[in-house]
């Protein structure tokens, strides 16, 4: 079992090095991401679900970590993750099936962490 929270955290540290080393290019990438994820005809949740499907199809662990976390935070349900990965499996066959299982595992870990954080928060 992979620790998806650690994958996201570790990759964030590595990405910071790239941002510092190539700031102008990374500003452009950040603008592209913001524009692509901005709610329009599709809401941000739907766009993050699309990103999860693509992450599975291209077999990118850090992408799975970042986009399952973002999809859950945007309100995606486990059932929506399941339908998304099913479509990715359809498009990417066996290798996507293997990564689909990892995307579901990532979603479950992020959901459990959010629930634990909510329980630990003092009532107030």
PDB file of N, CA and C in Angstrom:
ATOM      1  N   UNK A   1       0.846  -1.173   0.000  1.00  0.00           N
ATOM      2  CA  UNK A   1       0.000   0.000   0.000  1.00  0.00           C
ATOM      3  C   UNK A   1       0.894   1.240   0.000  1.00  0.00           C
ATOM      4  N   UNK A   2       0.580   2.151  -0.871  1.00  0.00           N
ATOM      5  CA  UNK A   2       1.314   3.414  -0.930  1.00  0.00           C
ATOM      6  C   UNK A   2       0.694   4.401   0.043  1.00  0.00           C
ATOM      7  N   UNK A   3       1.519   5.299   0.547  1.00  0.00           N
ATOM      8  CA  UNK A   3       1.030   6.373   1.398  1.00  0.00           C
ATOM      9  C   UNK A   3       0.869   7.606   0.512  1.00  0.00           C
ATOM     10  N   UNK A   4      -0.353   7.857   0.079  1.00  0.00           N
ATOM     11  CA  UNK A   4      -0.617   8.906  -0.906  1.00  0.00           C
ATOM     12  C   UNK A   4      -0.409  10.304  -0.342  1.00  0.00           C
ATOM     13  N   UNK A   5      -0.633  10.467   0.949  1.00  0.00           N
ATOM     14  CA  UNK A   5      -0.357  11.773   1.548  1.00  0.00           C
ATOM     15  C   UNK A   5       1.144  12.062   1.493  1.00  0.00           C
ATOM     16  N   UNK A   6       1.965  11.051   1.762  1.00  0.00           N
ATOM     17  CA  UNK A   6       3.419  11.228   1.680  1.00  0.00           C
ATOM     18  C   UNK A   6       3.868  11.486   0.247  1.00  0.00           C
ATOM     19  N   UNK A   7       3.271  10.776  -0.703  1.00  0.00           N
ATOM     20  CA  UNK A   7       3.628  11.003  -2.110  1.00  0.00           C
ATOM     21  C   UNK A   7       3.369  12.449  -2.477  1.00  0.00           C
ATOM     22  N   UNK A   8       2.208  12.982  -2.101  1.00  0.00           N
ATOM     23  CA  UNK A   8       1.884  14.382  -2.419  1.00  0.00           C
ATOM     24  C   UNK A   8       2.848  15.331  -1.713  1.00  0.00           C
ATOM     25  N   UNK A   9       3.133  15.067  -0.442  1.00  0.00           N
ATOM     26  CA  UNK A   9       4.022  15.956   0.321  1.00  0.00           C
ATOM     27  C   UNK A   9       5.450  15.916  -0.227  1.00  0.00           C
ATOM     28  N   UNK A  10       5.946  14.716  -0.493  1.00  0.00           N
ATOM     29  CA  UNK A  10       7.314  14.591  -1.014  1.00  0.00           C
ATOM     30  C   UNK A  10       7.440  15.218  -2.391  1.00  0.00           C
ATOM     31  N   UNK A  11       6.447  15.010  -3.242  1.00  0.00           N
ATOM     32  CA  UNK A  11       6.497  15.593  -4.585  1.00  0.00           C
ATOM     33  C   UNK A  11       6.425  17.115  -4.512  1.00  0.00           C
ATOM     34  N   UNK A  12       5.662  17.641  -3.554  1.00  0.00           N
ATOM     35  CA  UNK A  12       5.581  19.098  -3.402  1.00  0.00           C
ATOM     36  C   UNK A  12       6.950  19.700  -3.106  1.00  0.00           C
ATOM     37  N   UNK A  13       7.744  19.009  -2.286  1.00  0.00           N
ATOM     38  CA  UNK A  13       9.109  19.477  -1.988  1.00  0.00           C
ATOM     39  C   UNK A  13       9.936  19.481  -3.263  1.00  0.00           C
ATOM     40  N   UNK A  14       9.852  18.408  -4.044  1.00  0.00           N
ATOM     41  CA  UNK A  14      10.616  18.334  -5.291  1.00  0.00           C
ATOM     42  C   UNK A  14      10.168  19.396  -6.287  1.00  0.00           C
ATOM     43  N   UNK A  15       8.870  19.626  -6.353  1.00  0.00           N
ATOM     44  CA  UNK A  15       8.357  20.630  -7.286  1.00  0.00           C
ATOM     45  C   UNK A  15       8.792  22.034  -6.905  1.00  0.00           C
ATOM     46  N   UNK A  16       8.965  22.267  -5.615  1.00  0.00           N
ATOM     47  CA  UNK A  16       9.443  23.579  -5.169  1.00  0.00           C
ATOM     48  C   UNK A  16      10.811  23.873  -5.770  1.00  0.00           C
ATOM     49  N   UNK A  17      11.645  22.851  -5.870  1.00  0.00           N
ATOM     50  CA  UNK A  17      12.971  23.030  -6.484  1.00  0.00           C
ATOM     51  C   UNK A  17      12.835  23.463  -7.939  1.00  0.00           C
ATOM     52  N   UNK A  18      11.920  22.863  -8.642  1.00  0.00           N
ATOM     53  CA  UNK A  18      11.704  23.232 -10.046  1.00  0.00           C
ATOM     54  C   UNK A  18      11.159  24.651 -10.134  1.00  0.00           C
ATOM     55  N   UNK A  19      10.187  24.985  -9.268  1.00  0.00           N
ATOM     56  CA  UNK A  19       9.645  26.351  -9.272  1.00  0.00           C
ATOM     57  C   UNK A  19      10.736  27.382  -9.016  1.00  0.00           C
ATOM     58  N   UNK A  20      11.633  27.076  -8.075  1.00  0.00           N
ATOM     59  CA  UNK A  20      12.720  28.009  -7.779  1.00  0.00           C
ATOM     60  C   UNK A  20      13.730  28.085  -8.920  1.00  0.00           C
ATOM     61  N   UNK A  21      13.955  26.978  -9.600  1.00  0.00           N
ATOM     62  CA  UNK A  21      14.945  26.943 -10.671  1.00  0.00           C
ATOM     63  C   UNK A  21      14.442  27.473 -11.997  1.00  0.00           C
ATOM     64  N   UNK A  22      13.146  27.423 -12.216  1.00  0.00           N
ATOM     65  CA  UNK A  22      12.573  27.880 -13.481  1.00  0.00           C
ATOM     66  C   UNK A  22      11.291  28.676 -13.196  1.00  0.00           C
ATOM     67  N   UNK A  23      11.438  29.809 -12.491  1.00  0.00           N
ATOM     68  CA  UNK A  23      10.248  30.522 -12.026  1.00  0.00           C
ATOM     69  C   UNK A  23       9.333  31.033 -13.132  1.00  0.00           C
ATOM     70  N   UNK A  24       9.877  31.513 -14.217  1.00  0.00           N
ATOM     71  CA  UNK A  24       9.016  32.057 -15.279  1.00  0.00           C
ATOM     72  C   UNK A  24       8.198  30.951 -15.937  1.00  0.00           C
ATOM     73  N   UNK A  25       8.833  29.830 -16.211  1.00  0.00           N
ATOM     74  CA  UNK A  25       8.105  28.712 -16.818  1.00  0.00           C
ATOM     75  C   UNK A  25       7.029  28.198 -15.869  1.00  0.00           C
ATOM     76  N   UNK A  26       7.351  28.135 -14.597  1.00  0.00           N
ATOM     77  CA  UNK A  26       6.394  27.616 -13.624  1.00  0.00           C
ATOM     78  C   UNK A  26       5.243  28.584 -13.380  1.00  0.00           C
ATOM     79  N   UNK A  27       5.489  29.892 -13.524  1.00  0.00           N
ATOM     80  CA  UNK A  27       4.381  30.850 -13.454  1.00  0.00           C
ATOM     81  C   UNK A  27       3.406  30.590 -14.590  1.00  0.00           C
ATOM     82  N   UNK A  28       3.961  30.302 -15.764  1.00  0.00           N
ATOM     83  CA  UNK A  28       3.110  29.980 -16.906  1.00  0.00           C
ATOM     84  C   UNK A  28       2.315  28.703 -16.677  1.00  0.00           C
ATOM     85  N   UNK A  29       2.978  27.692 -16.117  1.00  0.00           N
ATOM     86  CA  UNK A  29       2.287  26.431 -15.828  1.00  0.00           C
ATOM     87  C   UNK A  29       1.180  26.650 -14.804  1.00  0.00           C
ATOM     88  N   UNK A  30       1.460  27.432 -13.770  1.00  0.00           N
ATOM     89  CA  UNK A  30       0.447  27.713 -12.745  1.00  0.00           C
ATOM     90  C   UNK A  30      -0.748  28.447 -13.338  1.00  0.00           C
ATOM     91  N   UNK A  31      -0.479  29.375 -14.244  1.00  0.00           N
ATOM     92  CA  UNK A  31      -1.572  30.093 -14.901  1.00  0.00           C
ATOM     93  C   UNK A  31      -2.397  29.139 -15.767  1.00  0.00           C
ATOM     94  N   UNK A  32      -1.723  28.214 -16.447  1.00  0.00           N
ATOM     95  CA  UNK A  32      -2.414  27.223 -17.259  1.00  0.00           C
ATOM     96  C   UNK A  32      -3.312  26.353 -16.382  1.00  0.00           C
ATOM     97  N   UNK A  33      -2.780  25.883 -15.258  1.00  0.00           N
ATOM     98  CA  UNK A  33      -3.559  25.047 -14.336  1.00  0.00           C
ATOM     99  C   UNK A  33      -4.769  25.806 -13.809  1.00  0.00           C
ATOM    100  N   UNK A  34      -4.556  27.058 -13.397  1.00  0.00           N
ATOM    101  CA  UNK A  34      -5.671  27.860 -12.868  1.00  0.00           C
ATOM    102  C   UNK A  34      -6.747  28.066 -13.925  1.00  0.00           C
ATOM    103  N   UNK A  35      -6.333  28.343 -15.138  1.00  0.00           N
ATOM    104  CA  UNK A  35      -7.295  28.534 -16.217  1.00  0.00           C
ATOM    105  C   UNK A  35      -8.049  27.256 -16.550  1.00  0.00           C
ATOM    106  N   UNK A  36      -7.346  26.133 -16.558  1.00  0.00           N
ATOM    107  CA  UNK A  36      -7.977  24.858 -16.896  1.00  0.00           C
ATOM    108  C   UNK A  36      -8.960  24.411 -15.822  1.00  0.00           C
ATOM    109  N   UNK A  37      -8.665  24.699 -14.573  1.00  0.00           N
ATOM    110  CA  UNK A  37      -9.505  24.230 -13.470  1.00  0.00           C
ATOM    111  C   UNK A  37     -10.601  25.214 -13.058  1.00  0.00           C
ATOM    112  N   UNK A  38     -10.572  26.414 -13.609  1.00  0.00           N
ATOM    113  CA  UNK A  38     -11.586  27.408 -13.272  1.00  0.00           C
ATOM    114  C   UNK A  38     -12.961  26.926 -13.718  1.00  0.00           C
ATOM    115  N   UNK A  39     -13.926  27.068 -12.824  1.00  0.00           N
ATOM    116  CA  UNK A  39     -15.289  26.646 -13.138  1.00  0.00           C
ATOM    117  C   UNK A  39     -15.824  27.445 -14.315  1.00  0.00           C
ATOM    118  N   UNK A  40     -16.432  26.746 -15.220  1.00  0.00           N
ATOM    119  CA  UNK A  40     -17.075  27.347 -16.388  1.00  0.00           C
ATOM    120  C   UNK A  40     -18.242  26.445 -16.748  1.00  0.00           C
ATOM    121  N   UNK A  41     -18.265  25.954 -17.973  1.00  0.00           N
ATOM    122  CA  UNK A  41     -19.297  24.997 -18.371  1.00  0.00           C
ATOM    123  C   UNK A  41     -19.191  23.729 -17.525  1.00  0.00           C
ATOM    124  N   UNK A  42     -17.966  23.391 -17.122  1.00  0.00           N
ATOM    125  CA  UNK A  42     -17.742  22.284 -16.181  1.00  0.00           C
ATOM    126  C   UNK A  42     -17.288  22.872 -14.858  1.00  0.00           C
ATOM    127  N   UNK A  43     -17.793  22.323 -13.759  1.00  0.00           N
ATOM    128  CA  UNK A  43     -17.330  22.809 -12.462  1.00  0.00           C
ATOM    129  C   UNK A  43     -15.962  22.211 -12.134  1.00  0.00           C
ATOM    130  N   UNK A  44     -15.318  22.766 -11.124  1.00  0.00           N
ATOM    131  CA  UNK A  44     -13.968  22.336 -10.749  1.00  0.00           C
ATOM    132  C   UNK A  44     -13.949  20.872 -10.324  1.00  0.00           C
ATOM    133  N   UNK A  45     -14.969  20.402  -9.643  1.00  0.00           N
ATOM    134  CA  UNK A  45     -15.033  18.997  -9.232  1.00  0.00           C
ATOM    135  C   UNK A  45     -14.955  18.090 -10.452  1.00  0.00           C
ATOM    136  N   UNK A  46     -15.739  18.405 -11.462  1.00  0.00           N
ATOM    137  CA  UNK A  46     -15.751  17.600 -12.681  1.00  0.00           C
ATOM    138  C   UNK A  46     -14.388  17.637 -13.362  1.00  0.00           C
ATOM    139  N   UNK A  47     -13.782  18.806 -13.396  1.00  0.00           N
ATOM    140  CA  UNK A  47     -12.467  18.926 -14.025  1.00  0.00           C
ATOM    141  C   UNK A  47     -11.418  18.133 -13.255  1.00  0.00           C
ATOM    142  N   UNK A  48     -11.496  18.118 -11.939  1.00  0.00           N
ATOM    143  CA  UNK A  48     -10.556  17.304 -11.154  1.00  0.00           C
ATOM    144  C   UNK A  48     -10.798  15.818 -11.387  1.00  0.00           C
ATOM    145  N   UNK A  49     -12.045  15.413 -11.548  1.00  0.00           N
ATOM    146  CA  UNK A  49     -12.334  14.019 -11.872  1.00  0.00           C
ATOM    147  C   UNK A  49     -11.727  13.652 -13.233  1.00  0.00           C
ATOM    148  N   UNK A  50     -11.818  14.531 -14.188  1.00  0.00           N
ATOM    149  CA  UNK A  50     -11.184  14.301 -15.490  1.00  0.00           C
ATOM    150  C   UNK A  50      -9.675  14.137 -15.293  1.00  0.00           C
ATOM    151  N   UNK A  51      -9.091  14.992 -14.458  1.00  0.00           N
ATOM    152  CA  UNK A  51      -7.654  14.905 -14.196  1.00  0.00           C
ATOM    153  C   UNK A  51      -7.291  13.579 -13.521  1.00  0.00           C
ATOM    154  N   UNK A  52      -8.162  13.075 -12.641  1.00  0.00           N
ATOM    155  CA  UNK A  52      -7.915  11.758 -12.039  1.00  0.00           C
ATOM    156  C   UNK A  52      -7.888  10.694 -13.135  1.00  0.00           C
ATOM    157  N   UNK A  53      -8.857  10.730 -14.030  1.00  0.00           N
ATOM    158  CA  UNK A  53      -8.905   9.752 -15.116  1.00  0.00           C
ATOM    159  C   UNK A  53      -7.667   9.802 -15.987  1.00  0.00           C
ATOM    160  N   UNK A  54      -7.229  10.987 -16.317  1.00  0.00           N
ATOM    161  CA  UNK A  54      -6.022  11.130 -17.125  1.00  0.00           C
ATOM    162  C   UNK A  54      -4.803  10.658 -16.337  1.00  0.00           C
ATOM    163  N   UNK A  55      -4.755  10.958 -15.054  1.00  0.00           N
ATOM    164  CA  UNK A  55      -3.641  10.515 -14.203  1.00  0.00           C
ATOM    165  C   UNK A  55      -3.519   8.998 -14.210  1.00  0.00           C
ATOM    166  N   UNK A  56      -4.664   8.321 -14.144  1.00  0.00           N
ATOM    167  CA  UNK A  56      -4.670   6.860 -14.198  1.00  0.00           C
ATOM    168  C   UNK A  56      -4.197   6.388 -15.571  1.00  0.00           C
ATOM    169  N   UNK A  57      -4.738   6.987 -16.625  1.00  0.00           N
ATOM    170  CA  UNK A  57      -4.411   6.549 -17.982  1.00  0.00           C
ATOM    171  C   UNK A  57      -2.933   6.747 -18.326  1.00  0.00           C
ATOM    172  N   UNK A  58      -2.329   7.815 -17.806  1.00  0.00           N
ATOM    173  CA  UNK A  58      -0.907   8.058 -18.112  1.00  0.00           C
ATOM    174  C   UNK A  58       0.019   7.486 -17.044  1.00  0.00           C
ATOM    175  N   UNK A  59      -0.574   6.875 -16.001  1.00  0.00           N
ATOM    176  CA  UNK A  59       0.174   6.169 -14.957  1.00  0.00           C
ATOM    177  C   UNK A  59       1.150   7.093 -14.218  1.00  0.00           C
ATOM    178  N   UNK A  60       0.603   8.139 -13.640  1.00  0.00           N
ATOM    179  CA  UNK A  60       1.400   9.145 -12.924  1.00  0.00           C
ATOM    180  C   UNK A  60       1.016   9.152 -11.441  1.00  0.00           C
ATOM    181  N   UNK A  61       1.847   8.515 -10.606  1.00  0.00           N
ATOM    182  CA  UNK A  61       1.548   8.461  -9.167  1.00  0.00           C
ATOM    183  C   UNK A  61       1.344   9.836  -8.540  1.00  0.00           C
ATOM    184  N   UNK A  62       2.280  10.781  -8.725  1.00  0.00           N
ATOM    185  CA  UNK A  62       2.062  12.087  -8.094  1.00  0.00           C
ATOM    186  C   UNK A  62       0.794  12.773  -8.612  1.00  0.00           C
ATOM    187  N   UNK A  63       0.479  12.583  -9.885  1.00  0.00           N
ATOM    188  CA  UNK A  63      -0.745  13.169 -10.436  1.00  0.00           C
ATOM    189  C   UNK A  63      -1.969  12.571  -9.765  1.00  0.00           C
ATOM    190  N   UNK A  64      -1.952  11.248  -9.558  1.00  0.00           N
ATOM    191  CA  UNK A  64      -3.056  10.589  -8.859  1.00  0.00           C
ATOM    192  C   UNK A  64      -3.197  11.190  -7.465  1.00  0.00           C
ATOM    193  N   UNK A  65      -2.081  11.345  -6.769  1.00  0.00           N
ATOM    194  CA  UNK A  65      -2.129  11.891  -5.410  1.00  0.00           C
ATOM    195  C   UNK A  65      -2.733  13.290  -5.402  1.00  0.00           C
ATOM    196  N   UNK A  66      -2.208  14.173  -6.235  1.00  0.00           N
ATOM    197  CA  UNK A  66      -2.673  15.556  -6.231  1.00  0.00           C
ATOM    198  C   UNK A  66      -4.140  15.666  -6.668  1.00  0.00           C
ATOM    199  N   UNK A  67      -4.524  14.946  -7.713  1.00  0.00           N
ATOM    200  CA  UNK A  67      -5.865  15.140  -8.260  1.00  0.00           C
ATOM    201  C   UNK A  67      -6.947  14.378  -7.502  1.00  0.00           C
ATOM    202  N   UNK A  68      -6.620  13.233  -6.883  1.00  0.00           N
ATOM    203  CA  UNK A  68      -7.645  12.607  -6.040  1.00  0.00           C
ATOM    204  C   UNK A  68      -7.882  13.456  -4.797  1.00  0.00           C
ATOM    205  N   UNK A  69      -6.801  14.032  -4.254  1.00  0.00           N
ATOM    206  CA  UNK A  69      -6.951  14.917  -3.096  1.00  0.00           C
ATOM    207  C   UNK A  69      -7.808  16.125  -3.479  1.00  0.00           C
ATOM    208  N   UNK A  70      -7.494  16.734  -4.617  1.00  0.00           N
ATOM    209  CA  UNK A  70      -8.238  17.921  -5.058  1.00  0.00           C
ATOM    210  C   UNK A  70      -9.687  17.577  -5.412  1.00  0.00           C
ATOM    211  N   UNK A  71      -9.905  16.424  -6.027  1.00  0.00           N
ATOM    212  CA  UNK A  71     -11.273  16.029  -6.378  1.00  0.00           C
ATOM    213  C   UNK A  71     -12.102  15.821  -5.116  1.00  0.00           C
ATOM    214  N   UNK A  72     -11.530  15.148  -4.120  1.00  0.00           N
ATOM    215  CA  UNK A  72     -12.242  14.934  -2.858  1.00  0.00           C
ATOM    216  C   UNK A  72     -12.531  16.269  -2.198  1.00  0.00           C
ATOM    217  N   UNK A  73     -11.548  17.159  -2.176  1.00  0.00           N
ATOM    218  CA  UNK A  73     -11.739  18.477  -1.563  1.00  0.00           C
ATOM    219  C   UNK A  73     -12.799  19.292  -2.304  1.00  0.00           C
ATOM    220  N   UNK A  74     -12.940  19.044  -3.597  1.00  0.00           N
ATOM    221  CA  UNK A  74     -13.952  19.758  -4.390  1.00  0.00           C
ATOM    222  C   UNK A  74     -15.327  19.099  -4.292  1.00  0.00           C
ATOM    223  N   UNK A  75     -15.423  18.029  -3.497  1.00  0.00           N
ATOM    224  CA  UNK A  75     -16.717  17.418  -3.259  1.00  0.00           C
ATOM    225  C   UNK A  75     -16.972  16.102  -3.985  1.00  0.00           C
ATOM    226  N   UNK A  76     -15.967  15.586  -4.693  1.00  0.00           N
ATOM    227  CA  UNK A  76     -16.163  14.318  -5.401  1.00  0.00           C
ATOM    228  C   UNK A  76     -16.377  13.181  -4.399  1.00  0.00           C
ATOM    229  N   UNK A  77     -17.269  12.298  -4.745  1.00  0.00           N
ATOM    230  CA  UNK A  77     -17.548  11.140  -3.906  1.00  0.00           C
ATOM    231  C   UNK A  77     -16.718   9.945  -4.362  1.00  0.00           C
ATOM    232  N   UNK A  78     -16.673   8.940  -3.513  1.00  0.00           N
ATOM    233  CA  UNK A  78     -15.975   7.705  -3.875  1.00  0.00           C
ATOM    234  C   UNK A  78     -16.632   7.081  -5.110  1.00  0.00           C
ATOM    235  N   UNK A  79     -17.943   7.157  -5.201  1.00  0.00           N
ATOM    236  CA  UNK A  79     -18.656   6.610  -6.351  1.00  0.00           C
ATOM    237  C   UNK A  79     -18.245   7.324  -7.638  1.00  0.00           C
ATOM    238  N   UNK A  80     -18.064   8.651  -7.559  1.00  0.00           N
ATOM    239  CA  UNK A  80     -17.609   9.389  -8.738  1.00  0.00           C
ATOM    240  C   UNK A  80     -16.179   8.998  -9.118  1.00  0.00           C
ATOM    241  N   UNK A  81     -15.339   8.773  -8.118  1.00  0.00           N
ATOM    242  CA  UNK A  81     -13.980   8.292  -8.397  1.00  0.00           C
ATOM    243  C   UNK A  81     -14.064   6.942  -9.108  1.00  0.00           C
ATOM    244  N   UNK A  82     -14.938   6.057  -8.626  1.00  0.00           N
ATOM    245  CA  UNK A  82     -15.079   4.734  -9.244  1.00  0.00           C
ATOM    246  C   UNK A  82     -15.508   4.839 -10.707  1.00  0.00           C
ATOM    247  N   UNK A  83     -16.477   5.701 -11.001  1.00  0.00           N
ATOM    248  CA  UNK A  83     -16.912   5.858 -12.389  1.00  0.00           C
ATOM    249  C   UNK A  83     -15.819   6.481 -13.242  1.00  0.00           C
ATOM    250  N   UNK A  84     -15.079   7.398 -12.656  1.00  0.00           N
ATOM    251  CA  UNK A  84     -13.972   8.032 -13.380  1.00  0.00           C
ATOM    252  C   UNK A  84     -12.905   7.014 -13.727  1.00  0.00           C
ATOM    253  N   UNK A  85     -12.492   6.201 -12.744  1.00  0.00           N
ATOM    254  CA  UNK A  85     -11.437   5.225 -13.026  1.00  0.00           C
ATOM    255  C   UNK A  85     -11.944   4.124 -13.961  1.00  0.00           C
ATOM    256  N   UNK A  86     -13.236   3.815 -13.912  1.00  0.00           N
ATOM    257  CA  UNK A  86     -13.787   2.836 -14.849  1.00  0.00           C
ATOM    258  C   UNK A  86     -13.639   3.327 -16.288  1.00  0.00           C
ATOM    259  N   UNK A  87     -13.881   4.616 -16.493  1.00  0.00           N
ATOM    260  CA  UNK A  87     -13.713   5.188 -17.828  1.00  0.00           C
ATOM    261  C   UNK A  87     -12.244   5.185 -18.237  1.00  0.00           C
ATOM    262  N   UNK A  88     -11.363   5.471 -17.295  1.00  0.00           N
ATOM    263  CA  UNK A  88      -9.924   5.434 -17.588  1.00  0.00           C
ATOM    264  C   UNK A  88      -9.480   4.015 -17.942  1.00  0.00           C
ATOM    265  N   UNK A  89     -10.028   3.022 -17.255  1.00  0.00           N
ATOM    266  CA  UNK A  89      -9.700   1.622 -17.570  1.00  0.00           C
ATOM    267  C   UNK A  89     -10.171   1.292 -18.986  1.00  0.00           C
ATOM    268  N   UNK A  90     -11.374   1.717 -19.304  1.00  0.00           N
ATOM    269  CA  UNK A  90     -11.907   1.493 -20.657  1.00  0.00           C
ATOM    270  C   UNK A  90     -10.954   2.060 -21.714  1.00  0.00           C
ATOM    271  N   UNK A  91     -10.438   3.249 -21.465  1.00  0.00           N
ATOM    272  CA  UNK A  91      -9.566   3.907 -22.443  1.00  0.00           C
ATOM    273  C   UNK A  91      -8.136   3.387 -22.407  1.00  0.00           C
ATOM    274  N   UNK A  92      -7.681   2.907 -21.250  1.00  0.00           N
ATOM    275  CA  UNK A  92      -6.271   2.537 -21.121  1.00  0.00           C
ATOM    276  C   UNK A  92      -5.998   1.071 -20.850  1.00  0.00           C
ATOM    277  N   UNK A  93      -7.029   0.247 -20.799  1.00  0.00           N
ATOM    278  CA  UNK A  93      -6.909  -1.209 -20.635  1.00  0.00           C
ATOM    279  C   UNK A  93      -6.207  -1.606 -19.342  1.00  0.00           C
ATOM    280  N   UNK A  94      -5.480  -2.722 -19.369  1.00  0.00           N
ATOM    281  CA  UNK A  94      -4.890  -3.331 -18.179  1.00  0.00           C
ATOM    282  C   UNK A  94      -4.041  -2.404 -17.331  1.00  0.00           C
ATOM    283  N   UNK A  95      -3.088  -1.666 -17.912  1.00  0.00           N
ATOM    284  CA  UNK A  95      -2.288  -0.777 -17.077  1.00  0.00           C
ATOM    285  C   UNK A  95      -3.139   0.264 -16.335  1.00  0.00           C
ATOM    286  N   UNK A  96      -4.178   0.756 -16.972  1.00  0.00           N
ATOM    287  CA  UNK A  96      -5.055   1.715 -16.290  1.00  0.00           C
ATOM    288  C   UNK A  96      -5.812   1.046 -15.156  1.00  0.00           C
ATOM    289  N   UNK A  97      -6.140  -0.222 -15.307  1.00  0.00           N
ATOM    290  CA  UNK A  97      -6.806  -0.968 -14.237  1.00  0.00           C
ATOM    291  C   UNK A  97      -5.926  -0.998 -12.993  1.00  0.00           C
ATOM    292  N   UNK A  98      -4.639  -1.237 -13.183  1.00  0.00           N
ATOM    293  CA  UNK A  98      -3.706  -1.283 -12.055  1.00  0.00           C
ATOM    294  C   UNK A  98      -3.628   0.074 -11.354  1.00  0.00           C
ATOM    295  N   UNK A  99      -3.555   1.151 -12.124  1.00  0.00           N
ATOM    296  CA  UNK A  99      -3.478   2.491 -11.541  1.00  0.00           C
ATOM    297  C   UNK A  99      -4.824   2.961 -11.013  1.00  0.00           C
ATOM    298  N   UNK A 100      -5.920   2.443 -11.548  1.00  0.00           N
ATOM    299  CA  UNK A 100      -7.241   2.785 -11.028  1.00  0.00           C
ATOM    300  C   UNK A 100      -7.358   2.349  -9.579  1.00  0.00           C
ATOM    301  N   UNK A 101      -6.857   1.160  -9.275  1.00  0.00           N
ATOM    302  CA  UNK A 101      -6.896   0.677  -7.895  1.00  0.00           C
ATOM    303  C   UNK A 101      -6.117   1.614  -6.977  1.00  0.00           C
ATOM    304  N   UNK A 102      -5.033   2.162  -7.490  1.00  0.00           N
ATOM    305  CA  UNK A 102      -4.244   3.092  -6.691  1.00  0.00           C
ATOM    306  C   UNK A 102      -4.966   4.419  -6.497  1.00  0.00           C
ATOM    307  N   UNK A 103      -5.703   4.874  -7.497  1.00  0.00           N
ATOM    308  CA  UNK A 103      -6.468   6.115  -7.351  1.00  0.00           C
ATOM    309  C   UNK A 103      -7.564   5.958  -6.294  1.00  0.00           C
ATOM    310  N   UNK A 104      -8.210   4.798  -6.260  1.00  0.00           N
ATOM    311  CA  UNK A 104      -9.232   4.544  -5.242  1.00  0.00           C
ATOM    312  C   UNK A 104      -8.580   4.513  -3.866  1.00  0.00           C
ATOM    313  N   UNK A 105      -7.428   3.849  -3.754  1.00  0.00           N
ATOM    314  CA  UNK A 105      -6.705   3.811  -2.483  1.00  0.00           C
ATOM    315  C   UNK A 105      -6.335   5.228  -2.033  1.00  0.00           C
ATOM    316  N   UNK A 106      -5.863   6.049  -2.968  1.00  0.00           N
ATOM    317  CA  UNK A 106      -5.500   7.429  -2.637  1.00  0.00           C
ATOM    318  C   UNK A 106      -6.710   8.196  -2.132  1.00  0.00           C
ATOM    319  N   UNK A 107      -7.849   8.073  -2.825  1.00  0.00           N
ATOM    320  CA  UNK A 107      -9.071   8.760  -2.398  1.00  0.00           C
ATOM    321  C   UNK A 107      -9.440   8.342  -0.978  1.00  0.00           C
ATOM    322  N   UNK A 108      -9.401   7.042  -0.721  1.00  0.00           N
ATOM    323  CA  UNK A 108      -9.773   6.541   0.603  1.00  0.00           C
ATOM    324  C   UNK A 108      -8.846   7.093   1.685  1.00  0.00           C
ATOM    325  N   UNK A 109      -7.555   7.178   1.399  1.00  0.00           N
ATOM    326  CA  UNK A 109      -6.612   7.707   2.392  1.00  0.00           C
ATOM    327  C   UNK A 109      -6.861   9.189   2.649  1.00  0.00           C
ATOM    328  N   UNK A 110      -7.089   9.970   1.607  1.00  0.00           N
ATOM    329  CA  UNK A 110      -7.353  11.395   1.807  1.00  0.00           C
ATOM    330  C   UNK A 110      -8.679  11.611   2.540  1.00  0.00           C
ATOM    331  N   UNK A 111      -9.691  10.805   2.232  1.00  0.00           N
ATOM    332  CA  UNK A 111     -10.976  10.921   2.924  1.00  0.00           C
ATOM    333  C   UNK A 111     -10.830  10.561   4.406  1.00  0.00           C
ATOM    334  N   UNK A 112     -10.070   9.515   4.705  1.00  0.00           N
ATOM    335  CA  UNK A 112      -9.853   9.113   6.101  1.00  0.00           C
ATOM    336  C   UNK A 112      -9.091  10.190   6.866  1.00  0.00           C
ATOM    337  N   UNK A 113      -8.103  10.795   6.231  1.00  0.00           N
ATOM    338  CA  UNK A 113      -7.336  11.857   6.891  1.00  0.00           C
ATOM    339  C   UNK A 113      -8.218  13.072   7.164  1.00  0.00           C
ATOM    340  N   UNK A 114      -9.086  13.413   6.217  1.00  0.00           N
ATOM    341  CA  UNK A 114      -9.989  14.549   6.415  1.00  0.00           C
ATOM    342  C   UNK A 114     -10.980  14.261   7.537  1.00  0.00           C
ATOM    343  N   UNK A 115     -11.472  13.040   7.592  1.00  0.00           N
ATOM    344  CA  UNK A 115     -12.403  12.671   8.665  1.00  0.00           C
ATOM    345  C   UNK A 115     -11.714  12.707  10.018  1.00  0.00           C
ATOM    346  N   UNK A 116     -10.475  12.210  10.084  1.00  0.00           N
ATOM    347  CA  UNK A 116      -9.722  12.239  11.335  1.00  0.00           C
ATOM    348  C   UNK A 116      -9.442  13.666  11.784  1.00  0.00           C
ATOM    349  N   UNK A 117      -9.128  14.539  10.830  1.00  0.00           N
ATOM    350  CA  UNK A 117      -8.868  15.940  11.156  1.00  0.00           C
ATOM    351  C   UNK A 117     -10.143  16.610  11.671  1.00  0.00           C
ATOM    352  N   UNK A 118     -11.265  16.276  11.066  1.00  0.00           N
ATOM    353  CA  UNK A 118     -12.543  16.853  11.504  1.00  0.00           C
ATOM    354  C   UNK A 118     -12.902  16.396  12.908  1.00  0.00           C
ATOM    355  N   UNK A 119     -12.620  15.150  13.225  1.00  0.00           N
ATOM    356  CA  UNK A 119     -12.898  14.629  14.566  1.00  0.00           C
ATOM    357  C   UNK A 119     -11.982  15.242  15.607  1.00  0.00           C
ATOM    358  N   UNK A 120     -10.755  15.538  15.218  1.00  0.00           N
ATOM    359  CA  UNK A 120      -9.775  16.085  16.150  1.00  0.00           C
ATOM    360  C   UNK A 120      -9.995  17.570  16.419  1.00  0.00           C
ATOM    361  N   UNK A 121     -10.749  18.226  15.534  1.00  0.00           N
ATOM    362  CA  UNK A 121     -10.998  19.667  15.667  1.00  0.00           C
ATOM    363  C   UNK A 121     -11.898  19.898  16.887  1.00  0.00           C
ATOM    364  N   UNK A 122     -11.476  20.789  17.778  1.00  0.00           N
ATOM    365  CA  UNK A 122     -12.320  21.061  18.952  1.00  0.00           C
ATOM    366  C   UNK A 122     -13.640  21.695  18.547  1.00  0.00           C
ATOM    367  N   UNK A 123     -14.692  21.300  19.244  1.00  0.00           N
ATOM    368  CA  UNK A 123     -16.016  21.862  18.985  1.00  0.00           C
ATOM    369  C   UNK A 123     -16.008  23.326  19.415  1.00  0.00           C
ATOM    370  N   UNK A 124     -16.609  24.125  18.613  1.00  0.00           N
ATOM    371  CA  UNK A 124     -16.552  25.470  19.079  1.00  0.00           C
ATOM    372  C   UNK A 124     -17.290  26.474  18.420  1.00  0.00           C
TER     373      UNK A 124
END
